[in-house]
Amino acid sequence: MVRSENRGAANFECGAKGEESMSLKNVVKSVIAGMILLCGLSMGRAQTQAPAPAQTPSPYGANVSLENAKKVAAPALAEAEKNHWNMAVAIVDTSGNLVYYEKMDNTQLGSANVAIDKARCAALFKRPTKAFQDTLAAGGDGLRVLTLKGVVAVEGGIPLVMDGKIVGAIGASGAASSQDAQCAKAGADVLK
């Protein structure tokens, strides 16, 4: 009897392993089927997806001077003050190095670095940071933007163009991203 009980236990264990094995096979099959389905959906969506953000066709020029950086910052800060927004404004050169920076009283501390990061992104990638924001919002392949070092996918960074050449960029942070962009644009428009 002992032998038959052991055999029964052995048969039960084999049966359990067999069921576990079958279950694992089904899971693997389901995962593969899901991946194929997702790839098919991605392929279909890729045709309708927005294109990647294009860089500004302008070539780089000489770096923005301190005098011009101050001229750019002034209307950006004035726009923020007019609307009662506390704002940090950063002006960088073509390499993303800080040329001028100003932070209004009571601006949230996190905005200090964000303004600089927005300006650097706009200068180094030759496009407004809103282009990355829009690409990311589209999802799908646009999510790859998250893997690019130095990208800030939030409105408020704009390249500075003078005589058709990029001389640096402005970044503004402290309010909603659209308000940051409004201030940055007020500054960037000075050099055009």
C-alpha atoms as a PDB file:
ATOM      1  CA  MET A   1       0.000   0.000   0.000  1.00  0.00           C
ATOM      2  CA  VAL A   2       2.814   2.332   0.740  1.00  0.00           C
ATOM      3  CA  ARG A   3       4.049   1.864  -2.746  1.00  0.00           C
ATOM      4  CA  SER A   4       0.725   2.688  -4.319  1.00  0.00           C
ATOM      5  CA  GLU A   5       0.369   5.826  -2.200  1.00  0.00           C
ATOM      6  CA  ASN A   6       3.799   6.937  -3.261  1.00  0.00           C
ATOM      7  CA  ARG A   7       2.973   6.231  -6.866  1.00  0.00           C
ATOM      8  CA  GLY A   8      -0.198   8.213  -6.534  1.00  0.00           C
ATOM      9  CA  ALA A   9       1.753  11.085  -5.016  1.00  0.00           C
ATOM     10  CA  ALA A  10       4.314  10.796  -7.777  1.00  0.00           C
ATOM     11  CA  ASN A  11       1.530  10.810 -10.374  1.00  0.00           C
ATOM     12  CA  PHE A  12      -0.026  13.825  -8.690  1.00  0.00           C
ATOM     13  CA  GLU A  13       3.322  15.692  -8.726  1.00  0.00           C
ATOM     14  CA  CYS A  14       3.843  14.896 -12.398  1.00  0.00           C
ATOM     15  CA  GLY A  15       0.330  16.032 -13.117  1.00  0.00           C
ATOM     16  CA  ALA A  16       0.900  19.277 -11.229  1.00  0.00           C
ATOM     17  CA  LYS A  17       4.162  19.893 -13.063  1.00  0.00           C
ATOM     18  CA  GLY A  18       2.481  19.103 -16.342  1.00  0.00           C
ATOM     19  CA  GLU A  19      -0.316  21.571 -15.593  1.00  0.00           C
ATOM     20  CA  GLU A  20       2.234  24.174 -14.482  1.00  0.00           C
ATOM     21  CA  SER A  21       4.169  23.564 -17.663  1.00  0.00           C
ATOM     22  CA  MET A  22       1.056  23.905 -19.774  1.00  0.00           C
ATOM     23  CA  SER A  23       0.117  27.074 -17.913  1.00  0.00           C
ATOM     24  CA  LEU A  24       3.556  28.590 -18.554  1.00  0.00           C
ATOM     25  CA  LYS A  25       3.297  27.672 -22.241  1.00  0.00           C
ATOM     26  CA  ASN A  26      -0.085  29.422 -22.418  1.00  0.00           C
ATOM     27  CA  VAL A  27       1.320  32.514 -20.718  1.00  0.00           C
ATOM     28  CA  VAL A  28       4.239  32.657 -23.157  1.00  0.00           C
ATOM     29  CA  LYS A  29       1.879  32.232 -26.103  1.00  0.00           C
ATOM     30  CA  SER A  30      -0.361  35.004 -24.763  1.00  0.00           C
ATOM     31  CA  VAL A  31       2.577  37.367 -24.270  1.00  0.00           C
ATOM     32  CA  ILE A  32       3.840  36.716 -27.806  1.00  0.00           C
ATOM     33  CA  ALA A  33       0.366  37.242 -29.244  1.00  0.00           C
ATOM     34  CA  GLY A  34       0.034  40.491 -27.311  1.00  0.00           C
ATOM     35  CA  MET A  35       3.402  41.720 -28.590  1.00  0.00           C
ATOM     36  CA  ILE A  36       2.421  40.951 -32.168  1.00  0.00           C
ATOM     37  CA  LEU A  37      -0.864  42.794 -31.686  1.00  0.00           C
ATOM     38  CA  LEU A  38       0.871  45.835 -30.194  1.00  0.00           C
ATOM     39  CA  CYS A  39       3.439  45.904 -32.998  1.00  0.00           C
ATOM     40  CA  GLY A  40       0.619  45.833 -35.521  1.00  0.00           C
ATOM     41  CA  LEU A  41      -1.130  48.706 -33.771  1.00  0.00           C
ATOM     42  CA  SER A  42       2.102  50.702 -33.588  1.00  0.00           C
ATOM     43  CA  MET A  43       2.733  50.193 -37.281  1.00  0.00           C
ATOM     44  CA  GLY A  44      -0.748  51.457 -38.097  1.00  0.00           C
ATOM     45  CA  ARG A  45      -0.399  54.418 -35.734  1.00  0.00           C
ATOM     46  CA  ALA A  46       3.064  55.361 -37.032  1.00  0.00           C
ATOM     47  CA  GLN A  47       1.536  56.424 -40.332  1.00  0.00           C
ATOM     48  CA  THR A  48      -0.793  58.917 -38.648  1.00  0.00           C
ATOM     49  CA  GLN A  49       1.598  60.137 -35.967  1.00  0.00           C
ATOM     50  CA  ALA A  50       3.002  63.657 -35.888  1.00  0.00           C
ATOM     51  CA  PRO A  51       6.549  63.953 -37.215  1.00  0.00           C
ATOM     52  CA  ALA A  52       9.456  64.398 -34.827  1.00  0.00           C
ATOM     53  CA  PRO A  53      10.116  68.012 -33.861  1.00  0.00           C
ATOM     54  CA  ALA A  54      12.179  69.712 -36.511  1.00  0.00           C
ATOM     55  CA  GLN A  55      15.164  71.809 -35.612  1.00  0.00           C
ATOM     56  CA  THR A  56      15.188  75.457 -36.557  1.00  0.00           C
ATOM     57  CA  PRO A  57      16.898  75.651 -39.957  1.00  0.00           C
ATOM     58  CA  SER A  58      18.949  78.617 -38.782  1.00  0.00           C
ATOM     59  CA  PRO A  59      22.686  77.978 -38.402  1.00  0.00           C
ATOM     60  CA  TYR A  60      24.524  78.929 -35.236  1.00  0.00           C
ATOM     61  CA  GLY A  61      26.036  82.386 -35.151  1.00  0.00           C
ATOM     62  CA  ALA A  62      28.177  84.301 -32.693  1.00  0.00           C
ATOM     63  CA  ASN A  63      27.119  83.955 -29.069  1.00  0.00           C
ATOM     64  CA  VAL A  64      24.617  86.388 -27.590  1.00  0.00           C
ATOM     65  CA  SER A  65      26.358  89.244 -25.790  1.00  0.00           C
ATOM     66  CA  LEU A  66      25.666  90.131 -22.176  1.00  0.00           C
ATOM     67  CA  GLU A  67      24.125  93.410 -23.347  1.00  0.00           C
ATOM     68  CA  ASN A  68      21.711  91.616 -25.698  1.00  0.00           C
ATOM     69  CA  ALA A  69      20.973  88.961 -23.069  1.00  0.00           C
ATOM     70  CA  LYS A  70      19.828  91.705 -20.692  1.00  0.00           C
ATOM     71  CA  LYS A  71      17.713  93.223 -23.493  1.00  0.00           C
ATOM     72  CA  VAL A  72      16.043  89.832 -24.017  1.00  0.00           C
ATOM     73  CA  ALA A  73      15.397  89.221 -20.319  1.00  0.00           C
ATOM     74  CA  ALA A  74      13.823  92.642 -19.655  1.00  0.00           C
ATOM     75  CA  PRO A  75      10.590  92.202 -21.701  1.00  0.00           C
ATOM     76  CA  ALA A  76      10.243  88.593 -20.507  1.00  0.00           C
ATOM     77  CA  LEU A  77      10.330  89.757 -16.898  1.00  0.00           C
ATOM     78  CA  ALA A  78       8.055  92.702 -17.709  1.00  0.00           C
ATOM     79  CA  GLU A  79       5.502  90.294 -19.219  1.00  0.00           C
ATOM     80  CA  ALA A  80       5.623  88.187 -16.070  1.00  0.00           C
ATOM     81  CA  GLU A  81       5.254  91.215 -13.813  1.00  0.00           C
ATOM     82  CA  LYS A  82       2.352  92.600 -15.868  1.00  0.00           C
ATOM     83  CA  ASN A  83       0.498  89.296 -15.392  1.00  0.00           C
ATOM     84  CA  HIS A  84       1.483  88.860 -11.735  1.00  0.00           C
ATOM     85  CA  TRP A  85       3.516  85.709 -12.431  1.00  0.00           C
ATOM     86  CA  ASN A  86       6.682  85.015 -10.456  1.00  0.00           C
ATOM     87  CA  MET A  87       9.274  84.013 -13.015  1.00  0.00           C
ATOM     88  CA  ALA A  88      12.882  82.933 -13.428  1.00  0.00           C
ATOM     89  CA  VAL A  89      14.495  83.853 -16.755  1.00  0.00           C
ATOM     90  CA  ALA A  90      17.732  82.450 -18.129  1.00  0.00           C
ATOM     91  CA  ILE A  91      19.665  83.393 -21.260  1.00  0.00           C
ATOM     92  CA  VAL A  92      22.296  80.959 -22.582  1.00  0.00           C
ATOM     93  CA  ASP A  93      24.751  81.058 -25.464  1.00  0.00           C
ATOM     94  CA  THR A  94      24.817  78.592 -28.374  1.00  0.00           C
ATOM     95  CA  SER A  95      26.640  76.004 -26.246  1.00  0.00           C
ATOM     96  CA  GLY A  96      24.072  76.235 -23.458  1.00  0.00           C
ATOM     97  CA  ASN A  97      26.343  78.199 -21.119  1.00  0.00           C
ATOM     98  CA  LEU A  98      24.582  80.701 -18.885  1.00  0.00           C
ATOM     99  CA  VAL A  99      25.039  84.327 -19.991  1.00  0.00           C
ATOM    100  CA  TYR A 100      22.370  86.062 -17.898  1.00  0.00           C
ATOM    101  CA  TYR A 101      19.921  84.991 -15.229  1.00  0.00           C
ATOM    102  CA  GLU A 102      17.282  86.735 -13.154  1.00  0.00           C
ATOM    103  CA  LYS A 103      14.688  85.409 -10.739  1.00  0.00           C
ATOM    104  CA  MET A 104      11.803  87.528  -9.466  1.00  0.00           C
ATOM    105  CA  ASP A 105      11.136  87.601  -5.725  1.00  0.00           C
ATOM    106  CA  ASN A 106       8.873  84.795  -4.486  1.00  0.00           C
ATOM    107  CA  THR A 107       9.504  82.607  -7.546  1.00  0.00           C
ATOM    108  CA  GLN A 108       9.396  78.937  -6.608  1.00  0.00           C
ATOM    109  CA  LEU A 109      12.927  77.663  -6.115  1.00  0.00           C
ATOM    110  CA  GLY A 110      12.543  74.750  -8.529  1.00  0.00           C
ATOM    111  CA  SER A 111      11.972  77.185 -11.382  1.00  0.00           C
ATOM    112  CA  ALA A 112      15.529  78.490 -11.067  1.00  0.00           C
ATOM    113  CA  ASN A 113      17.085  75.397 -12.632  1.00  0.00           C
ATOM    114  CA  VAL A 114      14.136  74.676 -14.900  1.00  0.00           C
ATOM    115  CA  ALA A 115      14.541  78.050 -16.652  1.00  0.00           C
ATOM    116  CA  ILE A 116      18.219  77.296 -17.322  1.00  0.00           C
ATOM    117  CA  ASP A 117      17.413  73.764 -18.516  1.00  0.00           C
ATOM    118  CA  LYS A 118      14.726  75.049 -20.907  1.00  0.00           C
ATOM    119  CA  ALA A 119      17.135  77.598 -22.378  1.00  0.00           C
ATOM    120  CA  ARG A 120      19.889  74.975 -22.793  1.00  0.00           C
ATOM    121  CA  CYS A 121      17.521  72.554 -24.487  1.00  0.00           C
ATOM    122  CA  ALA A 122      16.300  75.202 -26.939  1.00  0.00           C
ATOM    123  CA  ALA A 123      19.869  76.241 -27.808  1.00  0.00           C
ATOM    124  CA  LEU A 124      21.409  72.793 -28.123  1.00  0.00           C
ATOM    125  CA  PHE A 125      18.547  71.246 -30.111  1.00  0.00           C
ATOM    126  CA  LYS A 126      17.820  74.380 -32.192  1.00  0.00           C
ATOM    127  CA  ARG A 127      14.083  74.331 -31.474  1.00  0.00           C
ATOM    128  CA  PRO A 128      11.545  75.575 -28.939  1.00  0.00           C
ATOM    129  CA  THR A 129      10.953  73.204 -26.046  1.00  0.00           C
ATOM    130  CA  LYS A 130       7.269  73.163 -27.032  1.00  0.00           C
ATOM    131  CA  ALA A 131       8.255  70.992 -30.016  1.00  0.00           C
ATOM    132  CA  PHE A 132       9.361  68.282 -27.585  1.00  0.00           C
ATOM    133  CA  GLN A 133       6.258  68.791 -25.444  1.00  0.00           C
ATOM    134  CA  ASP A 134       4.021  68.250 -28.480  1.00  0.00           C
ATOM    135  CA  THR A 135       5.985  65.195 -29.636  1.00  0.00           C
ATOM    136  CA  LEU A 136       5.765  63.621 -26.190  1.00  0.00           C
ATOM    137  CA  ALA A 137       2.037  64.389 -25.944  1.00  0.00           C
ATOM    138  CA  ALA A 138       1.454  62.511 -29.214  1.00  0.00           C
ATOM    139  CA  GLY A 139       2.664  59.319 -27.499  1.00  0.00           C
ATOM    140  CA  GLY A 140       3.761  56.281 -29.469  1.00  0.00           C
ATOM    141  CA  ASP A 141       7.175  56.839 -31.030  1.00  0.00           C
ATOM    142  CA  GLY A 142       7.177  60.314 -29.492  1.00  0.00           C
ATOM    143  CA  LEU A 143       7.912  58.745 -26.114  1.00  0.00           C
ATOM    144  CA  ARG A 144      11.488  58.245 -27.339  1.00  0.00           C
ATOM    145  CA  VAL A 145      12.013  61.931 -26.535  1.00  0.00           C
ATOM    146  CA  LEU A 146      12.325  60.847 -22.901  1.00  0.00           C
ATOM    147  CA  THR A 147      15.593  59.067 -23.707  1.00  0.00           C
ATOM    148  CA  LEU A 148      17.362  62.161 -25.064  1.00  0.00           C
ATOM    149  CA  LYS A 149      19.787  63.696 -22.586  1.00  0.00           C
ATOM    150  CA  GLY A 150      19.100  67.363 -21.938  1.00  0.00           C
ATOM    151  CA  VAL A 151      15.609  67.484 -23.411  1.00  0.00           C
ATOM    152  CA  VAL A 152      13.011  69.483 -21.506  1.00  0.00           C
ATOM    153  CA  ALA A 153       9.618  68.594 -22.946  1.00  0.00           C
ATOM    154  CA  VAL A 154       7.860  71.602 -21.414  1.00  0.00           C
ATOM    155  CA  GLU A 155       7.027  74.912 -23.089  1.00  0.00           C
ATOM    156  CA  GLY A 156       9.107  77.948 -22.161  1.00  0.00           C
ATOM    157  CA  GLY A 157      12.447  77.578 -23.976  1.00  0.00           C
ATOM    158  CA  ILE A 158      12.969  79.421 -27.284  1.00  0.00           C
ATOM    159  CA  PRO A 159      16.071  79.830 -29.481  1.00  0.00           C
ATOM    160  CA  LEU A 160      17.290  83.417 -29.912  1.00  0.00           C
ATOM    161  CA  VAL A 161      17.739  84.293 -33.573  1.00  0.00           C
ATOM    162  CA  MET A 162      19.638  87.360 -34.749  1.00  0.00           C
ATOM    163  CA  ASP A 163      20.291  88.081 -38.429  1.00  0.00           C
ATOM    164  CA  GLY A 164      19.004  84.598 -39.294  1.00  0.00           C
ATOM    165  CA  LYS A 165      21.427  82.826 -36.928  1.00  0.00           C
ATOM    166  CA  ILE A 166      20.892  81.221 -33.548  1.00  0.00           C
ATOM    167  CA  VAL A 167      22.892  83.163 -30.963  1.00  0.00           C
ATOM    168  CA  GLY A 168      21.556  81.433 -27.838  1.00  0.00           C
ATOM    169  CA  ALA A 169      18.211  80.786 -26.173  1.00  0.00           C
ATOM    170  CA  ILE A 170      15.886  82.024 -23.475  1.00  0.00           C
ATOM    171  CA  GLY A 171      14.200  79.878 -20.853  1.00  0.00           C
ATOM    172  CA  ALA A 172      11.413  80.992 -18.524  1.00  0.00           C
ATOM    173  CA  SER A 173       9.855  79.103 -15.629  1.00  0.00           C
ATOM    174  CA  GLY A 174       7.585  79.886 -12.710  1.00  0.00           C
ATOM    175  CA  ALA A 175       4.011  79.785 -13.959  1.00  0.00           C
ATOM    176  CA  ALA A 176       2.062  77.402 -16.216  1.00  0.00           C
ATOM    177  CA  SER A 177       4.119  76.261 -19.192  1.00  0.00           C
ATOM    178  CA  SER A 178       2.045  78.309 -21.655  1.00  0.00           C
ATOM    179  CA  GLN A 179       2.626  81.393 -19.471  1.00  0.00           C
ATOM    180  CA  ASP A 180       6.351  80.617 -19.312  1.00  0.00           C
ATOM    181  CA  ALA A 181       6.333  80.460 -23.126  1.00  0.00           C
ATOM    182  CA  GLN A 182       4.467  83.777 -23.347  1.00  0.00           C
ATOM    183  CA  CYS A 183       7.212  85.449 -21.290  1.00  0.00           C
ATOM    184  CA  ALA A 184      10.022  83.740 -23.227  1.00  0.00           C
ATOM    185  CA  LYS A 185       8.484  84.816 -26.537  1.00  0.00           C
ATOM    186  CA  ALA A 186       8.263  88.433 -25.342  1.00  0.00           C
ATOM    187  CA  GLY A 187      12.003  88.291 -24.746  1.00  0.00           C
ATOM    188  CA  ALA A 188      12.950  86.375 -27.897  1.00  0.00           C
ATOM    189  CA  ASP A 189      11.002  88.781 -30.120  1.00  0.00           C
ATOM    190  CA  VAL A 190      13.371  91.611 -29.138  1.00  0.00           C
ATOM    191  CA  LEU A 191      16.210  90.235 -31.286  1.00  0.00           C
ATOM    192  CA  LYS A 192      14.183  89.487 -34.411  1.00  0.00           C
END
